C-alpha atoms as a PDB file:
ATOM      1  CA  MET A   1     102.206 149.811  16.073  1.00  0.00           C
ATOM      2  CA  GLN A   2      98.981 148.017  16.370  1.00  0.00           C
ATOM      3  CA  GLU A   3      98.152 145.494  13.744  1.00  0.00           C
ATOM      4  CA  PRO A   4      95.305 146.663  11.447  1.00  0.00           C
ATOM      5  CA  ARG A   5      92.084 144.920  11.911  1.00  0.00           C
ATOM      6  CA  SER A   6      90.917 145.120   8.188  1.00  0.00           C
ATOM      7  CA  TRP A   7      92.300 145.750   4.825  1.00  0.00           C
ATOM      8  CA  ARG A   8      90.454 149.104   4.904  1.00  0.00           C
ATOM      9  CA  SER A   9      92.309 150.296   7.984  1.00  0.00           C
ATOM     10  CA  LEU A  10      95.642 149.136   6.421  1.00  0.00           C
ATOM     11  CA  LEU A  11      94.816 151.062   3.346  1.00  0.00           C
ATOM     12  CA  GLY A  12      93.847 153.950   5.397  1.00  0.00           C
ATOM     13  CA  ARG A  13      97.397 154.070   7.026  1.00  0.00           C
ATOM     14  CA  ILE A  14      99.095 153.995   3.737  1.00  0.00           C
ATOM     15  CA  ILE A  15      97.083 156.637   1.888  1.00  0.00           C
ATOM     16  CA  HIS A  16      97.494 158.980   4.902  1.00  0.00           C
ATOM     17  CA  ASP A  17     100.562 160.026   2.758  1.00  0.00           C
ATOM     18  CA  PRO A  18      99.115 162.158  -0.134  1.00  0.00           C
ATOM     19  CA  GLN A  19     101.876 161.120  -2.437  1.00  0.00           C
ATOM     20  CA  GLU A  20     101.199 157.441  -1.909  1.00  0.00           C
ATOM     21  CA  ARG A  21      97.455 157.967  -2.080  1.00  0.00           C
ATOM     22  CA  GLN A  22      97.937 159.641  -5.541  1.00  0.00           C
ATOM     23  CA  ARG A  23     100.466 156.816  -6.580  1.00  0.00           C
ATOM     24  CA  ILE A  24      97.789 154.065  -5.747  1.00  0.00           C
ATOM     25  CA  ALA A  25      95.074 155.843  -7.349  1.00  0.00           C
ATOM     26  CA  ASP A  26      97.084 156.298 -10.557  1.00  0.00           C
ATOM     27  CA  GLU A  27      98.037 152.595 -10.490  1.00  0.00           C
ATOM     28  CA  LEU A  28      94.335 151.584 -10.097  1.00  0.00           C
ATOM     29  CA  GLY A  29      92.978 153.998 -12.544  1.00  0.00           C
ATOM     30  CA  VAL A  30      90.604 155.555  -9.846  1.00  0.00           C
ATOM     31  CA  ARG A  31      90.331 159.018  -8.245  1.00  0.00           C
ATOM     32  CA  PRO A  32      92.017 159.494  -4.875  1.00  0.00           C
ATOM     33  CA  ILE A  33      88.622 160.211  -3.270  1.00  0.00           C
ATOM     34  CA  THR A  34      87.672 156.593  -4.208  1.00  0.00           C
ATOM     35  CA  LEU A  35      90.296 155.226  -1.990  1.00  0.00           C
ATOM     36  CA  THR A  36      89.042 157.275   0.823  1.00  0.00           C
ATOM     37  CA  ARG A  37      85.550 156.032   0.336  1.00  0.00           C
ATOM     38  CA  TRP A  38      86.826 152.410   0.478  1.00  0.00           C
ATOM     39  CA  VAL A  39      88.646 153.093   3.837  1.00  0.00           C
ATOM     40  CA  SER A  40      85.412 154.760   5.207  1.00  0.00           C
ATOM     41  CA  ARG A  41      83.142 151.919   3.860  1.00  0.00           C
ATOM     42  CA  GLU A  42      81.271 154.417   1.825  1.00  0.00           C
ATOM     43  CA  SER A  43      81.714 152.121  -1.179  1.00  0.00           C
ATOM     44  CA  ILE A  44      82.853 148.545  -2.201  1.00  0.00           C
ATOM     45  CA  PRO A  45      85.643 148.023  -4.520  1.00  0.00           C
ATOM     46  CA  ARG A  46      85.132 145.739  -7.509  1.00  0.00           C
ATOM     47  CA  THR A  47      86.860 142.407  -7.393  1.00  0.00           C
ATOM     48  CA  GLN A  48      89.298 143.479 -10.158  1.00  0.00           C
ATOM     49  CA  ASN A  49      90.333 146.443  -8.170  1.00  0.00           C
ATOM     50  CA  LEU A  50      90.957 144.398  -5.121  1.00  0.00           C
ATOM     51  CA  ARG A  51      93.157 141.972  -7.248  1.00  0.00           C
ATOM     52  CA  HIS A  52      94.997 144.906  -8.738  1.00  0.00           C
ATOM     53  CA  LEU A  53      95.486 146.462  -5.336  1.00  0.00           C
ATOM     54  CA  LEU A  54      97.319 143.377  -4.173  1.00  0.00           C
ATOM     55  CA  SER A  55      99.766 143.641  -7.041  1.00  0.00           C
ATOM     56  CA  ILE A  56     101.024 147.198  -6.264  1.00  0.00           C
ATOM     57  CA  PHE A  57     102.566 146.648  -2.888  1.00  0.00           C
ATOM     58  CA  PRO A  58     105.773 144.858  -1.689  1.00  0.00           C
ATOM     59  CA  LEU A  59     105.437 141.261  -0.837  1.00  0.00           C
ATOM     60  CA  GLN A  60     104.938 141.525   2.954  1.00  0.00           C
ATOM     61  CA  GLN A  61     102.207 144.140   2.629  1.00  0.00           C
ATOM     62  CA  ARG A  62     100.596 142.045  -0.301  1.00  0.00           C
ATOM     63  CA  LYS A  63     100.323 138.998   2.056  1.00  0.00           C
ATOM     64  CA  LEU A  64      98.717 140.989   4.826  1.00  0.00           C
ATOM     65  CA  PHE A  65      96.354 142.627   2.330  1.00  0.00           C
ATOM     66  CA  ALA A  66      95.284 139.180   0.892  1.00  0.00           C
ATOM     67  CA  ASP A  67      94.605 137.767   4.444  1.00  0.00           C
ATOM     68  CA  LEU A  68      92.427 140.732   5.473  1.00  0.00           C
ATOM     69  CA  ILE A  69      90.516 141.044   2.252  1.00  0.00           C
ATOM     70  CA  ALA A  70      89.753 137.388   2.544  1.00  0.00           C
ATOM     71  CA  GLU A  71      88.199 137.961   6.034  1.00  0.00           C
ATOM     72  CA  GLU A  72      85.809 140.657   4.528  1.00  0.00           C
ATOM     73  CA  PHE A  73      84.996 138.904   1.213  1.00  0.00           C
ATOM     74  CA  LYS A  74      84.711 135.185   2.101  1.00  0.00           C
ATOM     75  CA  ASP A  75      84.354 134.321  -1.726  1.00  0.00           C
ATOM     76  CA  PHE A  76      87.286 136.421  -2.855  1.00  0.00           C
ATOM     77  CA  PRO A  77      89.346 134.383  -5.302  1.00  0.00           C
ATOM     78  CA  LEU A  78      92.840 134.329  -3.592  1.00  0.00           C
ATOM     79  CA  ALA A  79      95.654 133.224  -5.918  1.00  0.00           C
ATOM     80  CA  PRO A  80      99.016 132.500  -4.425  1.00  0.00           C
ATOM     81  CA  VAL A  81     100.837 135.630  -3.536  1.00  0.00           C
ATOM     82  CA  GLU A  82     104.102 135.802  -5.733  1.00  0.00           C
ATOM     83  CA  ASP A  83     107.058 137.979  -5.196  1.00  0.00           C
ATOM     84  CA  ASN A  84     107.088 140.322  -8.190  1.00  0.00           C
ATOM     85  CA  THR A  85     109.053 142.881  -6.550  1.00  0.00           C
ATOM     86  CA  GLN A  86     111.927 142.379  -8.943  1.00  0.00           C
ATOM     87  CA  THR A  87     109.943 143.616 -11.851  1.00  0.00           C
ATOM     88  CA  ILE A  88     108.318 146.938 -12.759  1.00  0.00           C
ATOM     89  CA  SER A  89     104.624 146.854 -13.051  1.00  0.00           C
ATOM     90  CA  SER A  90     103.004 146.924 -16.489  1.00  0.00           C
ATOM     91  CA  SER A  91     100.629 149.607 -15.126  1.00  0.00           C
ATOM     92  CA  PHE A  92     103.659 151.863 -14.530  1.00  0.00           C
ATOM     93  CA  TYR A  93     104.929 151.299 -17.968  1.00  0.00           C
ATOM     94  CA  THR A  94     101.512 152.321 -19.216  1.00  0.00           C
ATOM     95  CA  ARG A  95     101.331 155.556 -17.278  1.00  0.00           C
ATOM     96  CA  LEU A  96     104.920 156.527 -18.167  1.00  0.00           C
ATOM     97  CA  LEU A  97     104.341 156.194 -21.854  1.00  0.00           C
ATOM     98  CA  ALA A  98     101.272 158.186 -21.533  1.00  0.00           C
ATOM     99  CA  THR A  99     103.111 160.969 -19.685  1.00  0.00           C
ATOM    100  CA  ASN A 100     105.831 160.815 -22.473  1.00  0.00           C
ATOM    101  CA  THR A 101     103.260 161.497 -25.179  1.00  0.00           C
ATOM    102  CA  SER A 102     101.228 164.069 -23.320  1.00  0.00           C
ATOM    103  CA  THR A 103     103.965 166.321 -21.692  1.00  0.00           C
ATOM    104  CA  THR A 104     105.152 169.421 -23.501  1.00  0.00           C
ATOM    105  CA  ASP A 105     108.764 169.270 -24.677  1.00  0.00           C
ATOM    106  CA  ILE A 106     109.920 172.000 -21.982  1.00  0.00           C
ATOM    107  CA  LEU A 107     108.428 169.958 -19.103  1.00  0.00           C
ATOM    108  CA  ARG A 108     109.171 166.333 -20.207  1.00  0.00           C
ATOM    109  CA  CYS A 109     112.408 165.735 -18.484  1.00  0.00           C
ATOM    110  CA  TRP A 110     111.513 167.017 -15.236  1.00  0.00           C
ATOM    111  CA  VAL A 111     108.145 165.388 -15.179  1.00  0.00           C
ATOM    112  CA  ILE A 112     109.315 161.929 -16.403  1.00  0.00           C
ATOM    113  CA  CYS A 113     112.363 162.052 -14.104  1.00  0.00           C
ATOM    114  CA  SER A 114     110.071 162.899 -11.137  1.00  0.00           C
ATOM    115  CA  GLN A 115     107.665 160.074 -11.985  1.00  0.00           C
ATOM    116  CA  ILE A 116     110.279 157.413 -12.300  1.00  0.00           C
ATOM    117  CA  LEU A 117     112.064 158.509  -9.051  1.00  0.00           C
ATOM    118  CA  GLN A 118     108.758 158.397  -7.100  1.00  0.00           C
ATOM    119  CA  GLN A 119     108.004 154.854  -8.402  1.00  0.00           C
ATOM    120  CA  ALA A 120     111.751 153.701  -8.117  1.00  0.00           C
ATOM    121  CA  LEU A 121     112.033 154.745  -4.515  1.00  0.00           C
ATOM    122  CA  ILE A 122     108.785 152.941  -3.371  1.00  0.00           C
ATOM    123  CA  HIS A 123     110.027 149.887  -5.239  1.00  0.00           C
ATOM    124  CA  LEU A 124     113.684 149.965  -4.260  1.00  0.00           C
ATOM    125  CA  ASP A 125     113.180 150.926  -0.597  1.00  0.00           C
ATOM    126  CA  PRO A 126     109.608 149.902   0.474  1.00  0.00           C
ATOM    127  CA  GLU A 127     110.861 149.488   4.135  1.00  0.00           C
ATOM    128  CA  HIS A 128     112.461 152.955   4.136  1.00  0.00           C
ATOM    129  CA  ASN A 129     115.817 151.723   5.177  1.00  0.00           C
ATOM    130  CA  GLY A 130     117.443 154.958   3.725  1.00  0.00           C
ATOM    131  CA  LEU A 131     117.959 155.264   0.067  1.00  0.00           C
ATOM    132  CA  LEU A 132     118.643 158.398  -2.032  1.00  0.00           C
ATOM    133  CA  LEU A 133     118.016 158.335  -5.726  1.00  0.00           C
ATOM    134  CA  THR A 134     119.795 161.176  -7.789  1.00  0.00           C
ATOM    135  CA  ILE A 135     119.618 161.807 -11.489  1.00  0.00           C
ATOM    136  CA  VAL A 136     122.967 163.242 -12.758  1.00  0.00           C
ATOM    137  CA  ARG A 137     123.104 165.087 -16.163  1.00  0.00           C
ATOM    138  CA  CYS A 138     126.032 165.919 -18.348  1.00  0.00           C
ATOM    139  CA  MET A 139     126.604 169.540 -18.760  1.00  0.00           C
ATOM    140  CA  PRO A 140     126.502 170.727 -22.418  1.00  0.00           C
ATOM    141  CA  PRO A 141     129.993 170.666 -24.003  1.00  0.00           C
ATOM    142  CA  SER A 142     132.290 173.791 -23.836  1.00  0.00           C
ATOM    143  CA  ASN A 143     133.709 175.370 -26.815  1.00  0.00           C
ATOM    144  CA  ASP A 144     136.090 172.596 -27.604  1.00  0.00           C
ATOM    145  CA  GLY A 145     133.239 170.149 -27.788  1.00  0.00           C
ATOM    146  CA  LYS A 146     133.993 168.310 -24.558  1.00  0.00           C
ATOM    147  CA  VAL A 147     131.825 167.629 -21.711  1.00  0.00           C
ATOM    148  CA  LYS A 148     133.966 168.865 -18.633  1.00  0.00           C
ATOM    149  CA  SER A 149     131.464 168.196 -15.687  1.00  0.00           C
ATOM    150  CA  LEU A 150     128.175 166.695 -14.662  1.00  0.00           C
ATOM    151  CA  ARG A 151     125.405 168.313 -12.596  1.00  0.00           C
ATOM    152  CA  GLU A 152     123.017 166.760 -10.025  1.00  0.00           C
ATOM    153  CA  TYR A 153     119.526 167.435 -11.456  1.00  0.00           C
ATOM    154  CA  VAL A 154     116.821 166.013  -9.159  1.00  0.00           C
ATOM    155  CA  ALA A 155     116.857 163.763  -6.166  1.00  0.00           C
ATOM    156  CA  LEU A 156     114.373 161.871  -3.949  1.00  0.00           C
ATOM    157  CA  GLY A 157     115.011 159.973  -0.748  1.00  0.00           C
ATOM    158  CA  THR A 158     113.645 158.201   2.359  1.00  0.00           C
ATOM    159  CA  TYR A 159     114.862 159.275   5.792  1.00  0.00           C
ATOM    160  CA  PRO A 160     117.418 160.506   6.702  1.00  0.00           C
ATOM    161  CA  TRP A 161     117.459 162.157   3.362  1.00  0.00           C
ATOM    162  CA  ASN A 162     114.996 164.565   1.933  1.00  0.00           C
ATOM    163  CA  THR A 163     111.709 162.757   1.335  1.00  0.00           C
ATOM    164  CA  ASP A 164     110.451 165.450  -1.181  1.00  0.00           C
ATOM    165  CA  LEU A 165     111.488 165.817  -4.720  1.00  0.00           C
ATOM    166  CA  GLU A 166     114.325 168.347  -4.797  1.00  0.00           C
ATOM    167  CA  GLN A 167     116.094 170.057  -7.532  1.00  0.00           C
ATOM    168  CA  LYS A 168     119.832 169.707  -7.090  1.00  0.00           C
ATOM    169  CA  ALA A 169     122.770 171.985  -8.007  1.00  0.00           C
ATOM    170  CA  MET A 170     126.050 170.347  -7.249  1.00  0.00           C
ATOM    171  CA  PHE A 171     128.476 169.991 -10.039  1.00  0.00           C
ATOM    172  CA  LEU A 172     130.373 166.568 -10.175  1.00  0.00           C
ATOM    173  CA  GLY A 173     133.469 165.485 -12.136  1.00  0.00           C
ATOM    174  CA  ALA A 174     136.226 163.027 -12.356  1.00  0.00           C
ATOM    175  CA  GLU A 175     136.458 162.914  -8.416  1.00  0.00           C
ATOM    176  CA  SER A 176     132.986 161.322  -8.205  1.00  0.00           C
ATOM    177  CA  LEU A 177     131.465 157.755  -8.642  1.00  0.00           C
ATOM    178  CA  ALA A 178     128.987 159.288 -11.112  1.00  0.00           C
ATOM    179  CA  GLY A 179     131.933 160.802 -13.055  1.00  0.00           C
ATOM    180  CA  TYR A 180     133.585 157.314 -13.220  1.00  0.00           C
ATOM    181  CA  ALA A 181     130.284 155.802 -14.530  1.00  0.00           C
ATOM    182  CA  VAL A 182     130.002 158.392 -17.133  1.00  0.00           C
ATOM    183  CA  SER A 183     133.568 158.401 -18.326  1.00  0.00           C
ATOM    184  CA  SER A 184     133.762 154.670 -18.490  1.00  0.00           C
ATOM    185  CA  CYS A 185     130.122 154.008 -19.828  1.00  0.00           C
ATOM    186  CA  ARG A 186     129.659 151.294 -17.216  1.00  0.00           C
ATOM    187  CA  PHE A 187     128.046 150.904 -13.963  1.00  0.00           C
ATOM    188  CA  ALA A 188     129.974 151.061 -10.687  1.00  0.00           C
ATOM    189  CA  THR A 189     129.379 150.247  -7.159  1.00  0.00           C
ATOM    190  CA  ILE A 190     131.195 150.910  -3.772  1.00  0.00           C
ATOM    191  CA  GLN A 191     130.018 148.739  -0.923  1.00  0.00           C
ATOM    192  CA  SER A 192     131.650 150.705   1.910  1.00  0.00           C
ATOM    193  CA  ILE A 193     132.595 154.286   1.223  1.00  0.00           C
ATOM    194  CA  THR A 194     133.600 155.214   4.670  1.00  0.00           C
ATOM    195  CA  GLU A 195     136.187 152.264   4.900  1.00  0.00           C
ATOM    196  CA  GLY A 196     138.024 153.694   1.960  1.00  0.00           C
ATOM    197  CA  ARG A 197     139.002 150.283   0.598  1.00  0.00           C
ATOM    198  CA  THR A 198     138.198 151.192  -2.948  1.00  0.00           C
ATOM    199  CA  LEU A 199     140.168 152.386  -6.042  1.00  0.00           C
ATOM    200  CA  LEU A 200     136.994 154.116  -7.360  1.00  0.00           C
ATOM    201  CA  PRO A 201     136.510 157.676  -6.925  1.00  0.00           C
ATOM    202  CA  ALA A 202     133.749 158.713  -4.405  1.00  0.00           C
ATOM    203  CA  HIS A 203     132.276 162.093  -3.491  1.00  0.00           C
ATOM    204  CA  ARG A 204     130.372 161.151  -0.306  1.00  0.00           C
ATOM    205  CA  VAL A 205     127.144 162.865   0.697  1.00  0.00           C
ATOM    206  CA  GLU A 206     126.085 162.831   4.326  1.00  0.00           C
ATOM    207  CA  PHE A 207     124.806 159.479   5.681  1.00  0.00           C
ATOM    208  CA  GLU A 208     125.998 157.622   2.607  1.00  0.00           C
ATOM    209  CA  GLU A 209     127.697 154.147   3.218  1.00  0.00           C
ATOM    210  CA  SER A 210     127.386 152.535  -0.108  1.00  0.00           C
ATOM    211  CA  ALA A 211     126.549 153.702  -3.689  1.00  0.00           C
ATOM    212  CA  ALA A 212     126.064 152.616  -7.257  1.00  0.00           C
ATOM    213  CA  ALA A 213     125.987 154.662 -10.472  1.00  0.00           C
ATOM    214  CA  TYR A 214     124.440 153.535 -13.752  1.00  0.00           C
ATOM    215  CA  PRO A 215     125.035 155.442 -16.915  1.00  0.00           C
ATOM    216  CA  ILE A 216     121.902 156.537 -18.885  1.00  0.00           C
ATOM    217  CA  MET A 217     122.802 155.580 -22.428  1.00  0.00           C
ATOM    218  CA  ARG A 218     121.119 155.478 -25.837  1.00  0.00           C
ATOM    219  CA  SER A 219     122.670 154.016 -29.025  1.00  0.00           C
ATOM    220  CA  GLY A 220     126.176 154.137 -27.462  1.00  0.00           C
ATOM    221  CA  ARG A 221     125.877 157.704 -26.383  1.00  0.00           C
ATOM    222  CA  ILE A 222     125.457 158.963 -22.785  1.00  0.00           C
ATOM    223  CA  SER A 223     123.399 161.712 -21.010  1.00  0.00           C
ATOM    224  CA  GLY A 224     124.371 161.213 -17.483  1.00  0.00           C
ATOM    225  CA  CYS A 225     123.763 158.615 -14.832  1.00  0.00           C
ATOM    226  CA  PHE A 226     121.393 157.279 -12.257  1.00  0.00           C
ATOM    227  CA  LEU A 227     123.152 157.565  -8.766  1.00  0.00           C
ATOM    228  CA  VAL A 228     121.661 155.421  -5.860  1.00  0.00           C
ATOM    229  CA  SER A 229     123.072 155.987  -2.395  1.00  0.00           C
ATOM    230  CA  SER A 230     122.212 153.865   0.658  1.00  0.00           C
ATOM    231  CA  VAL A 231     122.764 154.400   4.552  1.00  0.00           C
ATOM    232  CA  LEU A 232     123.639 150.608   4.635  1.00  0.00           C
ATOM    233  CA  ARG A 233     127.054 149.031   3.937  1.00  0.00           C
ATOM    234  CA  ASN A 234     127.193 146.297   1.136  1.00  0.00           C
ATOM    235  CA  ASN A 235     123.815 147.189  -0.206  1.00  0.00           C
ATOM    236  CA  PHE A 236     124.570 146.538  -3.805  1.00  0.00           C
ATOM    237  CA  VAL A 237     125.325 142.696  -3.980  1.00  0.00           C
ATOM    238  CA  ASP A 238     121.952 141.253  -4.853  1.00  0.00           C
ATOM    239  CA  GLN A 239     122.114 140.762  -8.596  1.00  0.00           C
ATOM    240  CA  GLU A 240     118.270 140.877  -8.965  1.00  0.00           C
ATOM    241  CA  TRP A 241     118.240 144.241  -7.118  1.00  0.00           C
ATOM    242  CA  LEU A 242     120.965 145.534  -9.411  1.00  0.00           C
ATOM    243  CA  ASP A 243     118.972 144.426 -12.392  1.00  0.00           C
ATOM    244  CA  LEU A 244     116.034 146.328 -11.261  1.00  0.00           C
ATOM    245  CA  ILE A 245     118.096 149.575 -10.826  1.00  0.00           C
ATOM    246  CA  GLN A 246     119.325 148.991 -14.318  1.00  0.00           C
ATOM    247  CA  ALA A 247     115.721 148.642 -15.501  1.00  0.00           C
ATOM    248  CA  TYR A 248     114.746 152.038 -14.041  1.00  0.00           C
ATOM    249  CA  THR A 249     117.946 153.558 -15.505  1.00  0.00           C
ATOM    250  CA  ASN A 250     116.759 152.350 -18.989  1.00  0.00           C
ATOM    251  CA  LEU A 251     113.462 153.998 -18.351  1.00  0.00           C
ATOM    252  CA  LEU A 252     115.102 157.360 -17.749  1.00  0.00           C
ATOM    253  CA  VAL A 253     116.240 157.406 -21.377  1.00  0.00           C
ATOM    254  CA  LEU A 254     112.687 158.607 -22.138  1.00  0.00           C
ATOM    255  CA  ALA A 255     113.244 161.786 -20.234  1.00  0.00           C
ATOM    256  CA  PHE A 256     115.976 163.069 -22.428  1.00  0.00           C
ATOM    257  CA  GLU A 257     116.157 164.524 -26.093  1.00  0.00           C
ATOM    258  CA  PRO A 258     118.561 163.017 -28.542  1.00  0.00           C
ATOM    259  CA  SER A 259     120.686 166.181 -28.285  1.00  0.00           C
ATOM    260  CA  ASP A 260     121.210 165.432 -24.562  1.00  0.00           C
ATOM    261  CA  PHE A 261     123.291 162.311 -25.272  1.00  0.00           C
ATOM    262  CA  TYR A 262     127.065 162.582 -26.105  1.00  0.00           C
ATOM    263  CA  ALA A 263     129.641 160.376 -27.715  1.00  0.00           C
ATOM    264  CA  PRO A 264     131.964 158.792 -25.137  1.00  0.00           C
ATOM    265  CA  SER A 265     134.815 160.532 -26.995  1.00  0.00           C
ATOM    266  CA  GLN A 266     133.271 163.908 -25.898  1.00  0.00           C
ATOM    267  CA  ILE A 267     133.511 163.003 -22.203  1.00  0.00           C
ATOM    268  CA  GLU A 268     136.588 164.718 -20.567  1.00  0.00           C
ATOM    269  CA  LEU A 269     135.628 165.433 -17.151  1.00  0.00           C
ATOM    270  CA  ARG A 270     137.729 167.632 -14.868  1.00  0.00           C
ATOM    271  CA  ILE A 271     137.875 167.535 -10.980  1.00  0.00           C
ATOM    272  CA  MET A 272     135.355 169.888  -9.524  1.00  0.00           C
ATOM    273  CA  PRO A 273     135.670 171.872  -6.366  1.00  0.00           C
ATOM    274  CA  ASN A 274     134.247 170.527  -3.012  1.00  0.00           C
ATOM    275  CA  SER A 275     130.704 171.280  -2.003  1.00  0.00           C
ATOM    276  CA  SER A 276     131.497 174.146   0.418  1.00  0.00           C
ATOM    277  CA  ILE A 277     133.289 175.959  -2.267  1.00  0.00           C
ATOM    278  CA  GLN A 278     130.524 175.462  -4.839  1.00  0.00           C
ATOM    279  CA  GLN A 279     127.897 176.617  -2.354  1.00  0.00           C
ATOM    280  CA  SER A 280     129.370 180.094  -2.229  1.00  0.00           C
ATOM    281  CA  TYR A 281     128.999 180.324  -5.920  1.00  0.00           C
ATOM    282  CA  LEU A 282     125.444 178.931  -6.061  1.00  0.00           C
ATOM    283  CA  THR A 283     123.767 181.052  -3.368  1.00  0.00           C
ATOM    284  CA  ASN A 284     122.867 183.748  -5.835  1.00  0.00           C
ATOM    285  CA  PHE A 285     121.720 181.235  -8.631  1.00  0.00           C
ATOM    286  CA  ARG A 286     118.061 182.781  -8.878  1.00  0.00           C
ATOM    287  CA  GLN A 287     119.296 186.324  -8.843  1.00  0.00           C
ATOM    288  CA  ARG A 288     121.634 185.548 -11.677  1.00  0.00           C
ATOM    289  CA  VAL A 289     118.813 183.921 -13.670  1.00  0.00           C
ATOM    290  CA  GLY A 290     116.600 187.020 -13.213  1.00  0.00           C
ATOM    291  CA  THR A 291     119.463 189.349 -14.262  1.00  0.00           C
ATOM    292  CA  THR A 292     119.992 187.079 -17.437  1.00  0.00           C
ATOM    293  CA  MET A 293     116.443 187.314 -18.454  1.00  0.00           C
ATOM    294  CA  THR A 294     116.097 191.137 -17.860  1.00  0.00           C
ATOM    295  CA  ARG A 295     119.407 191.631 -19.941  1.00  0.00           C
ATOM    296  CA  ALA A 296     117.764 189.593 -22.740  1.00  0.00           C
ATOM    297  CA  VAL A 297     114.507 191.691 -22.689  1.00  0.00           C
ATOM    298  CA  HIS A 298     116.684 195.003 -22.913  1.00  0.00           C
ATOM    299  CA  GLU A 299     118.588 193.470 -25.840  1.00  0.00           C
ATOM    300  CA  GLY A 300     115.480 192.371 -27.565  1.00  0.00           C
ATOM    301  CA  LEU A 301     116.368 188.780 -27.313  1.00  0.00           C
ATOM    302  CA  SER A 302     113.941 185.757 -26.961  1.00  0.00           C
ATOM    303  CA  LEU A 303     114.991 183.807 -23.926  1.00  0.00           C
ATOM    304  CA  ASN A 304     112.560 181.574 -21.760  1.00  0.00           C
ATOM    305  CA  HIS A 305     113.307 180.685 -18.169  1.00  0.00           C
ATOM    306  CA  SER A 306     114.653 177.326 -18.885  1.00  0.00           C
ATOM    307  CA  GLN A 307     117.231 178.742 -21.406  1.00  0.00           C
ATOM    308  CA  ALA A 308     118.252 181.410 -18.877  1.00  0.00           C
ATOM    309  CA  GLU A 309     118.858 178.744 -16.151  1.00  0.00           C
ATOM    310  CA  GLN A 310     121.100 176.794 -18.547  1.00  0.00           C
ATOM    311  CA  GLN A 311     123.080 179.942 -19.384  1.00  0.00           C
ATOM    312  CA  VAL A 312     123.819 180.509 -15.795  1.00  0.00           C
ATOM    313  CA  TRP A 313     124.657 176.945 -15.217  1.00  0.00           C
ATOM    314  CA  SER A 314     127.184 177.111 -17.938  1.00  0.00           C
ATOM    315  CA  HIS A 315     128.673 180.388 -16.596  1.00  0.00           C
ATOM    316  CA  LEU A 316     128.915 178.782 -13.175  1.00  0.00           C
ATOM    317  CA  GLU A 317     130.641 175.835 -14.618  1.00  0.00           C
ATOM    318  CA  GLU A 318     133.194 177.961 -16.256  1.00  0.00           C
ATOM    319  CA  GLU A 319     133.889 179.944 -13.099  1.00  0.00           C
ATOM    320  CA  LEU A 320     134.359 176.652 -11.062  1.00  0.00           C
ATOM    321  CA  LEU A 321     136.685 175.235 -13.654  1.00  0.00           C
ATOM    322  CA  ARG A 322     138.801 178.440 -13.584  1.00  0.00           C
ATOM    323  CA  LEU A 323     139.406 177.796  -9.865  1.00  0.00           C
ATOM    324  CA  PRO A 324     142.948 176.453  -8.917  1.00  0.00           C
ATOM    325  CA  PRO A 325     142.947 172.534  -8.421  1.00  0.00           C
ATOM    326  CA  PRO A 326     142.623 171.485  -4.766  1.00  0.00           C
ATOM    327  CA  LEU A 327     145.769 170.730  -2.996  1.00  0.00           C
ATOM    328  CA  ASP A 328     146.630 167.102  -2.109  1.00  0.00           C
ATOM    329  CA  GLU A 329     146.140 166.283   1.529  1.00  0.00           C
ATOM    330  CA  ASP A 330     149.219 164.942   3.357  1.00  0.00           C
END
């Protein structure tokens, strides 16, 4: 790819992606159209905006931006370019807290999780090497008060995974790395899944070579975990990078209500069927939700869409748990 001739052309390449354009505009506190006007030379950004622009990109991009900005603005006060890629920006904390206070209860979990995943993916995989971020939630306890399974909630990745926010459906249990992290209330990593040289359980997804799972905890109680998958082997060895994943995991606590967290003594995960078996049960999920809501109307019950979905998830969990355990492979 040809090297950009100016900071404006470099910015133009980046904001060609609508999601990235919106993210940068949010970080700077400007409208997306303002970025377009900078690129087309219709307007000149303030010095403080240029300084802020430098701070929101990975180190290599930041250095290139600084050099190109200095070519256009000879008196631009260039400070040494520092590597702050191992910290979460204060502007993101500000935006996230604003979201937490302004979003309705019914939407808060989805909106906050989505916002954190989008920021974390840019931060953790700026070079698009191949990373998949998944938020895994505890299923509500069954009649005996025990949490029997987990459910993948939402995911976002860079190629070769889906690059759009995607609602997930797979149930996970004691056979998975996520299950181990939730049951033990401690983070866990596998550096090479395909080699099979680990005692930890692993439910491998396509393209995954290494993975890490961090429990989402509050006051000693747990709501699920933050699952990070990589196409690279041995990708979870740098302590600063692991600390950054932990920092995003801590932020995810904001997404969940106190009632979503369970005592460790309540976690008794079972082994869940493999993905192909589960898929046959999940294909008519939307139809079952619609049927549940229609039945509630006929019975004069008050039931919103979110509550209907949760009822169906619980019924699906029960059906999958009733299946005979998988046979051991020879």
